[in-house]
N, C-alpha and C. Protein backbone atom coordinates (compact mmCIF):
# COMPACT_ATOMS: atom_id res chain seq x y z
N ALA A 1 -165.86 -2.42 183.00
CA ALA A 1 -165.55 -3.58 183.83
C ALA A 1 -165.58 -4.85 182.98
N ILE A 2 -164.67 -5.74 183.27
CA ILE A 2 -164.59 -7.01 182.54
C ILE A 2 -165.38 -8.05 183.32
N ASN A 3 -166.22 -8.80 182.59
CA ASN A 3 -166.99 -9.85 183.25
C ASN A 3 -166.51 -11.22 182.77
N TYR A 4 -167.08 -12.26 183.38
CA TYR A 4 -166.64 -13.62 183.07
C TYR A 4 -166.84 -13.99 181.60
N SER A 5 -167.91 -13.54 180.99
CA SER A 5 -168.13 -13.89 179.58
C SER A 5 -167.08 -13.23 178.67
N ASP A 6 -166.62 -12.04 179.05
CA ASP A 6 -165.54 -11.39 178.28
C ASP A 6 -164.27 -12.22 178.34
N ILE A 7 -163.94 -12.70 179.53
CA ILE A 7 -162.74 -13.51 179.70
C ILE A 7 -162.90 -14.83 178.94
N GLU A 8 -164.05 -15.48 179.14
CA GLU A 8 -164.28 -16.78 178.52
C GLU A 8 -164.21 -16.70 177.00
N SER A 9 -164.66 -15.60 176.43
CA SER A 9 -164.68 -15.48 174.96
C SER A 9 -163.27 -15.38 174.38
N THR A 10 -162.27 -15.08 175.20
CA THR A 10 -160.89 -14.99 174.69
C THR A 10 -160.21 -16.35 174.61
N PHE A 11 -160.75 -17.36 175.28
CA PHE A 11 -160.17 -18.70 175.25
C PHE A 11 -160.69 -19.47 174.05
N SER A 12 -159.79 -20.11 173.33
CA SER A 12 -160.22 -20.96 172.22
C SER A 12 -160.60 -22.33 172.77
N LYS A 13 -161.49 -23.00 172.06
CA LYS A 13 -161.91 -24.36 172.43
C LYS A 13 -160.79 -25.33 172.11
N TYR A 14 -160.63 -26.33 172.93
CA TYR A 14 -159.71 -27.43 172.62
C TYR A 14 -160.53 -28.70 172.55
N ASN A 15 -160.55 -29.32 171.36
CA ASN A 15 -161.35 -30.52 171.13
C ASN A 15 -160.53 -31.79 171.00
N ALA A 16 -159.21 -31.67 171.04
CA ALA A 16 -158.29 -32.80 170.87
C ALA A 16 -158.37 -33.36 169.45
N GLY A 17 -158.60 -32.49 168.48
CA GLY A 17 -158.59 -32.90 167.08
C GLY A 17 -157.17 -33.17 166.62
N SER A 18 -157.05 -33.87 165.52
CA SER A 18 -155.72 -34.26 165.03
C SER A 18 -154.86 -33.05 164.64
N HIS A 19 -155.49 -31.93 164.35
CA HIS A 19 -154.75 -30.73 163.95
C HIS A 19 -154.43 -29.82 165.14
N GLU A 20 -154.84 -30.21 166.35
CA GLU A 20 -154.67 -29.36 167.52
C GLU A 20 -153.49 -29.84 168.37
N ASN A 21 -152.71 -28.91 168.85
CA ASN A 21 -151.55 -29.21 169.68
C ASN A 21 -151.87 -28.78 171.11
N ILE A 22 -151.95 -29.74 172.03
CA ILE A 22 -152.34 -29.43 173.41
C ILE A 22 -151.34 -28.52 174.10
N VAL A 23 -150.06 -28.69 173.83
CA VAL A 23 -149.06 -27.86 174.49
C VAL A 23 -149.23 -26.40 174.07
N HIS A 24 -149.49 -26.16 172.81
CA HIS A 24 -149.70 -24.78 172.35
C HIS A 24 -151.00 -24.21 172.89
N TRP A 25 -152.04 -25.05 172.97
CA TRP A 25 -153.30 -24.58 173.54
C TRP A 25 -153.10 -24.17 175.00
N ILE A 26 -152.36 -24.96 175.76
CA ILE A 26 -152.11 -24.65 177.17
C ILE A 26 -151.28 -23.37 177.30
N GLU A 27 -150.26 -23.21 176.46
CA GLU A 27 -149.46 -21.98 176.49
C GLU A 27 -150.33 -20.76 176.23
N HIS A 28 -151.20 -20.85 175.22
CA HIS A 28 -152.12 -19.76 174.90
C HIS A 28 -153.06 -19.50 176.08
N PHE A 29 -153.60 -20.57 176.64
CA PHE A 29 -154.51 -20.46 177.78
C PHE A 29 -153.82 -19.78 178.97
N GLU A 30 -152.59 -20.19 179.26
CA GLU A 30 -151.88 -19.61 180.40
C GLU A 30 -151.50 -18.15 180.15
N ASN A 31 -151.18 -17.80 178.92
CA ASN A 31 -150.89 -16.39 178.61
C ASN A 31 -152.11 -15.51 178.85
N ILE A 32 -153.26 -15.97 178.42
CA ILE A 32 -154.49 -15.20 178.64
C ILE A 32 -154.82 -15.16 180.13
N SER A 33 -154.64 -16.28 180.81
CA SER A 33 -154.90 -16.34 182.25
C SER A 33 -154.03 -15.34 183.01
N LYS A 34 -152.77 -15.22 182.59
CA LYS A 34 -151.85 -14.27 183.22
C LYS A 34 -152.30 -12.84 182.95
N LEU A 35 -152.75 -12.59 181.73
CA LEU A 35 -153.23 -11.26 181.35
C LEU A 35 -154.38 -10.81 182.24
N PHE A 36 -155.29 -11.74 182.55
CA PHE A 36 -156.44 -11.42 183.40
C PHE A 36 -156.18 -11.70 184.88
N ASN A 37 -154.95 -12.12 185.20
CA ASN A 37 -154.58 -12.40 186.59
C ASN A 37 -155.54 -13.39 187.25
N LEU A 38 -155.80 -14.49 186.55
CA LEU A 38 -156.74 -15.49 187.07
C LEU A 38 -156.10 -16.33 188.16
N SER A 39 -156.91 -16.70 189.14
CA SER A 39 -156.46 -17.60 190.20
C SER A 39 -156.39 -19.02 189.65
N GLU A 40 -155.79 -19.92 190.40
CA GLU A 40 -155.73 -21.33 189.98
C GLU A 40 -157.13 -21.92 189.84
N LEU A 41 -158.03 -21.56 190.74
CA LEU A 41 -159.41 -22.05 190.65
C LEU A 41 -160.10 -21.53 189.39
N GLN A 42 -159.92 -20.25 189.08
CA GLN A 42 -160.51 -19.68 187.87
C GLN A 42 -159.94 -20.34 186.62
N LYS A 43 -158.64 -20.60 186.61
CA LYS A 43 -158.03 -21.29 185.47
C LYS A 43 -158.66 -22.66 185.28
N PHE A 44 -158.83 -23.38 186.38
CA PHE A 44 -159.43 -24.71 186.33
C PHE A 44 -160.83 -24.65 185.74
N ILE A 45 -161.63 -23.72 186.21
CA ILE A 45 -163.02 -23.60 185.74
C ILE A 45 -163.05 -23.21 184.26
N PHE A 46 -162.30 -22.18 183.89
CA PHE A 46 -162.30 -21.73 182.49
C PHE A 46 -161.74 -22.80 181.55
N ALA A 47 -160.71 -23.50 181.99
CA ALA A 47 -160.13 -24.55 181.15
C ALA A 47 -161.14 -25.66 180.91
N LYS A 48 -161.81 -26.10 181.96
CA LYS A 48 -162.81 -27.17 181.78
C LYS A 48 -163.92 -26.72 180.85
N ARG A 49 -164.32 -25.45 180.95
CA ARG A 49 -165.38 -24.93 180.09
C ARG A 49 -164.90 -24.75 178.65
N SER A 50 -163.60 -24.72 178.45
CA SER A 50 -163.04 -24.53 177.11
C SER A 50 -162.75 -25.85 176.40
N LEU A 51 -163.03 -26.95 177.04
CA LEU A 51 -162.80 -28.25 176.42
C LEU A 51 -164.04 -28.73 175.69
N GLY A 52 -163.82 -29.34 174.55
CA GLY A 52 -164.92 -29.92 173.78
C GLY A 52 -164.47 -31.25 173.21
N GLY A 53 -165.33 -31.90 172.49
CA GLY A 53 -165.00 -33.14 171.80
C GLY A 53 -164.36 -34.18 172.69
N ASN A 54 -163.31 -34.82 172.16
CA ASN A 54 -162.61 -35.87 172.90
C ASN A 54 -161.94 -35.37 174.17
N ALA A 55 -161.53 -34.12 174.20
CA ALA A 55 -160.89 -33.57 175.40
C ALA A 55 -161.89 -33.53 176.55
N SER A 56 -163.10 -33.07 176.26
CA SER A 56 -164.15 -33.02 177.28
C SER A 56 -164.53 -34.43 177.74
N LEU A 57 -164.65 -35.32 176.78
CA LEU A 57 -164.98 -36.72 177.10
C LEU A 57 -163.89 -37.33 177.98
N PHE A 58 -162.65 -37.10 177.65
CA PHE A 58 -161.54 -37.62 178.45
C PHE A 58 -161.62 -37.13 179.89
N VAL A 59 -161.82 -35.84 180.08
CA VAL A 59 -161.85 -35.27 181.43
C VAL A 59 -163.01 -35.87 182.24
N ARG A 60 -164.11 -36.16 181.58
CA ARG A 60 -165.24 -36.78 182.30
C ARG A 60 -164.92 -38.19 182.75
N THR A 61 -163.95 -38.84 182.11
CA THR A 61 -163.59 -40.21 182.50
C THR A 61 -162.55 -40.25 183.62
N VAL A 62 -162.03 -39.09 184.00
CA VAL A 62 -161.03 -39.02 185.07
C VAL A 62 -161.58 -38.12 186.19
N PRO A 63 -162.38 -38.69 187.09
CA PRO A 63 -163.08 -37.87 188.09
C PRO A 63 -162.18 -37.26 189.17
N ASP A 64 -160.94 -37.72 189.32
CA ASP A 64 -160.07 -37.22 190.40
C ASP A 64 -159.46 -35.85 190.12
N ILE A 65 -159.64 -35.33 188.94
CA ILE A 65 -159.02 -34.05 188.58
C ILE A 65 -159.79 -32.92 189.25
N ASN A 66 -159.09 -32.18 190.14
CA ASN A 66 -159.78 -31.09 190.84
C ASN A 66 -158.93 -29.83 190.98
N SER A 67 -157.95 -29.67 190.08
CA SER A 67 -157.15 -28.44 190.07
C SER A 67 -156.65 -28.19 188.65
N TRP A 68 -156.25 -26.95 188.39
CA TRP A 68 -155.71 -26.60 187.08
C TRP A 68 -154.44 -27.42 186.80
N GLN A 69 -153.56 -27.56 187.78
CA GLN A 69 -152.32 -28.30 187.58
C GLN A 69 -152.60 -29.75 187.21
N GLN A 70 -153.53 -30.39 187.91
CA GLN A 70 -153.89 -31.78 187.60
C GLN A 70 -154.51 -31.89 186.21
N LEU A 71 -155.37 -30.94 185.87
CA LEU A 71 -156.02 -30.95 184.56
C LEU A 71 -154.98 -30.79 183.46
N LYS A 72 -154.09 -29.83 183.64
CA LYS A 72 -153.05 -29.56 182.65
C LYS A 72 -152.18 -30.81 182.44
N GLU A 73 -151.74 -31.43 183.51
CA GLU A 73 -150.90 -32.62 183.41
C GLU A 73 -151.63 -33.77 182.73
N ALA A 74 -152.90 -33.96 183.08
CA ALA A 74 -153.69 -35.05 182.48
C ALA A 74 -153.87 -34.82 180.98
N LEU A 75 -154.15 -33.58 180.58
CA LEU A 75 -154.33 -33.27 179.16
C LEU A 75 -153.03 -33.49 178.38
N ILE A 76 -151.92 -33.06 178.95
CA ILE A 76 -150.63 -33.25 178.28
C ILE A 76 -150.30 -34.74 178.17
N ASP A 77 -150.52 -35.48 179.25
CA ASP A 77 -150.24 -36.92 179.22
C ASP A 77 -151.09 -37.63 178.16
N GLU A 78 -152.33 -37.21 178.03
CA GLU A 78 -153.25 -37.89 177.12
C GLU A 78 -153.10 -37.46 175.67
N PHE A 79 -152.87 -36.17 175.43
CA PHE A 79 -152.98 -35.65 174.06
C PHE A 79 -151.70 -35.10 173.44
N SER A 80 -150.59 -35.05 174.18
CA SER A 80 -149.40 -34.46 173.56
C SER A 80 -148.64 -35.52 172.76
N PHE A 81 -148.06 -35.07 171.70
CA PHE A 81 -147.20 -35.93 170.89
C PHE A 81 -146.34 -35.04 170.02
N GLU A 82 -145.22 -35.58 169.63
CA GLU A 82 -144.34 -34.89 168.70
C GLU A 82 -143.95 -35.91 167.65
N ILE A 83 -144.09 -35.54 166.40
CA ILE A 83 -143.74 -36.48 165.35
C ILE A 83 -142.26 -36.33 165.01
N SER A 84 -141.70 -37.34 164.41
CA SER A 84 -140.28 -37.30 164.06
C SER A 84 -140.05 -36.24 162.99
N SER A 85 -138.83 -35.75 162.91
CA SER A 85 -138.53 -34.73 161.90
C SER A 85 -138.71 -35.29 160.49
N ALA A 86 -138.44 -36.57 160.30
CA ALA A 86 -138.64 -37.18 158.97
C ALA A 86 -140.11 -37.14 158.58
N ASN A 87 -140.99 -37.49 159.52
CA ASN A 87 -142.43 -37.44 159.24
C ASN A 87 -142.90 -36.01 159.02
N LEU A 88 -142.34 -35.09 159.78
CA LEU A 88 -142.71 -33.68 159.63
C LEU A 88 -142.31 -33.18 158.24
N HIS A 89 -141.10 -33.50 157.81
CA HIS A 89 -140.65 -33.10 156.47
C HIS A 89 -141.53 -33.74 155.40
N ASP A 90 -141.93 -34.98 155.62
CA ASP A 90 -142.81 -35.67 154.67
C ASP A 90 -144.17 -34.97 154.58
N LEU A 91 -144.75 -34.62 155.74
CA LEU A 91 -146.04 -33.92 155.75
C LEU A 91 -145.94 -32.59 155.01
N LEU A 92 -144.89 -31.83 155.29
CA LEU A 92 -144.73 -30.53 154.65
C LEU A 92 -144.50 -30.66 153.15
N SER A 93 -143.76 -31.68 152.74
CA SER A 93 -143.48 -31.84 151.31
C SER A 93 -144.72 -32.27 150.54
N ARG A 94 -145.63 -32.96 151.19
CA ARG A 94 -146.85 -33.42 150.51
C ARG A 94 -147.98 -32.39 150.53
N ARG A 95 -147.89 -31.41 151.41
CA ARG A 95 -148.95 -30.41 151.52
C ARG A 95 -148.88 -29.45 150.35
N ARG A 96 -149.96 -29.33 149.61
CA ARG A 96 -150.05 -28.43 148.46
C ARG A 96 -151.12 -27.38 148.71
N MET A 97 -150.93 -26.22 148.14
CA MET A 97 -151.94 -25.18 148.23
C MET A 97 -153.12 -25.55 147.36
N LYS A 98 -154.31 -25.49 147.94
CA LYS A 98 -155.53 -25.82 147.21
C LYS A 98 -155.91 -24.66 146.30
N ASP A 99 -156.61 -24.95 145.22
CA ASP A 99 -156.99 -23.91 144.25
C ASP A 99 -157.74 -22.75 144.88
N CYS A 100 -158.66 -23.05 145.79
CA CYS A 100 -159.50 -22.00 146.38
C CYS A 100 -158.96 -21.50 147.72
N GLU A 101 -157.75 -21.92 148.08
CA GLU A 101 -157.18 -21.58 149.38
C GLU A 101 -156.41 -20.26 149.31
N PRO A 102 -156.76 -19.29 150.14
CA PRO A 102 -155.99 -18.04 150.17
C PRO A 102 -154.55 -18.30 150.63
N VAL A 103 -153.63 -17.49 150.17
CA VAL A 103 -152.21 -17.67 150.47
C VAL A 103 -151.96 -17.64 151.99
N GLN A 104 -152.59 -16.71 152.68
CA GLN A 104 -152.37 -16.62 154.12
C GLN A 104 -152.85 -17.88 154.85
N GLU A 105 -153.97 -18.43 154.42
CA GLU A 105 -154.48 -19.65 155.04
C GLU A 105 -153.51 -20.81 154.80
N TYR A 106 -153.00 -20.92 153.56
CA TYR A 106 -152.02 -21.95 153.24
C TYR A 106 -150.79 -21.83 154.13
N TYR A 107 -150.27 -20.61 154.26
CA TYR A 107 -149.09 -20.36 155.09
C TYR A 107 -149.36 -20.76 156.55
N LEU A 108 -150.50 -20.35 157.07
CA LEU A 108 -150.81 -20.64 158.47
C LEU A 108 -151.02 -22.13 158.71
N LYS A 109 -151.58 -22.83 157.74
CA LYS A 109 -151.77 -24.28 157.89
C LYS A 109 -150.42 -25.00 157.82
N MET A 110 -149.52 -24.50 157.00
CA MET A 110 -148.17 -25.07 156.96
C MET A 110 -147.47 -24.83 158.30
N LYS A 111 -147.64 -23.64 158.82
CA LYS A 111 -147.05 -23.31 160.12
C LYS A 111 -147.63 -24.19 161.22
N GLU A 112 -148.92 -24.47 161.12
CA GLU A 112 -149.58 -25.33 162.10
C GLU A 112 -148.99 -26.74 162.08
N ILE A 113 -148.67 -27.24 160.90
CA ILE A 113 -148.04 -28.56 160.78
C ILE A 113 -146.71 -28.56 161.55
N CYS A 114 -145.98 -27.46 161.46
CA CYS A 114 -144.68 -27.36 162.14
C CYS A 114 -144.82 -27.43 163.66
N ASN A 115 -146.00 -27.12 164.18
CA ASN A 115 -146.21 -27.17 165.63
C ASN A 115 -146.09 -28.58 166.20
N PHE A 116 -146.13 -29.59 165.36
CA PHE A 116 -146.08 -30.97 165.84
C PHE A 116 -144.66 -31.51 165.94
N GLY A 117 -143.69 -30.67 165.69
CA GLY A 117 -142.30 -31.10 165.79
C GLY A 117 -141.39 -29.90 165.71
N LYS A 118 -140.16 -30.16 165.36
CA LYS A 118 -139.18 -29.08 165.25
C LYS A 118 -138.62 -29.05 163.83
N ILE A 119 -138.63 -27.86 163.26
CA ILE A 119 -138.08 -27.68 161.92
C ILE A 119 -137.50 -26.27 161.86
N ASP A 120 -136.35 -26.12 161.22
CA ASP A 120 -135.74 -24.79 161.18
C ASP A 120 -136.49 -23.89 160.20
N ASP A 121 -136.35 -22.60 160.41
CA ASP A 121 -137.08 -21.60 159.62
C ASP A 121 -136.78 -21.69 158.13
N ALA A 122 -135.52 -21.93 157.78
CA ALA A 122 -135.15 -21.99 156.37
C ALA A 122 -135.85 -23.15 155.67
N ALA A 123 -135.90 -24.31 156.32
CA ALA A 123 -136.58 -25.47 155.73
C ALA A 123 -138.07 -25.19 155.61
N PHE A 124 -138.65 -24.59 156.64
CA PHE A 124 -140.07 -24.26 156.59
C PHE A 124 -140.38 -23.34 155.41
N MET A 125 -139.59 -22.29 155.25
CA MET A 125 -139.83 -21.35 154.15
C MET A 125 -139.64 -22.03 152.80
N HIS A 126 -138.70 -22.96 152.71
CA HIS A 126 -138.50 -23.72 151.47
C HIS A 126 -139.79 -24.46 151.11
N TYR A 127 -140.39 -25.14 152.06
CA TYR A 127 -141.62 -25.89 151.80
C TYR A 127 -142.77 -24.96 151.42
N VAL A 128 -142.87 -23.83 152.09
CA VAL A 128 -143.94 -22.88 151.79
C VAL A 128 -143.78 -22.32 150.38
N ILE A 129 -142.58 -21.91 150.03
CA ILE A 129 -142.35 -21.26 148.74
C ILE A 129 -142.41 -22.25 147.58
N THR A 130 -141.75 -23.38 147.73
CA THR A 130 -141.69 -24.33 146.61
C THR A 130 -142.87 -25.28 146.56
N GLY A 131 -143.49 -25.48 147.70
CA GLY A 131 -144.61 -26.43 147.74
C GLY A 131 -144.14 -27.86 147.69
N ASN A 132 -142.84 -28.09 147.91
CA ASN A 132 -142.33 -29.47 147.98
C ASN A 132 -141.02 -29.52 148.74
């Protein structure tokens, strides 16, 4: 039997850090919620428990939020952003693999940068392979 702690452990924390994308966190959260067939009330409870840092602080400053839909909309309004493609290309071109960084970690961090905008696969692979 699956219990609440099993379900809760599958959700990642969202702290509203500069490297975190709220839209992707919500998509991941909703996919897991669908897998466990969670009700709207359960989604609301688990989502609130999965917030940390500035995200948790923000939610505490908005007392009217009392449903998953309201919470989701408030988080997107507060924390979503997309950078211009020029800025995205600049970030990718400046990102270098660190001496002690494993290749897979470098690749995943480059991919994470792409989450903040739109870039085609060929350009992404160019930045990963050439490092510029």
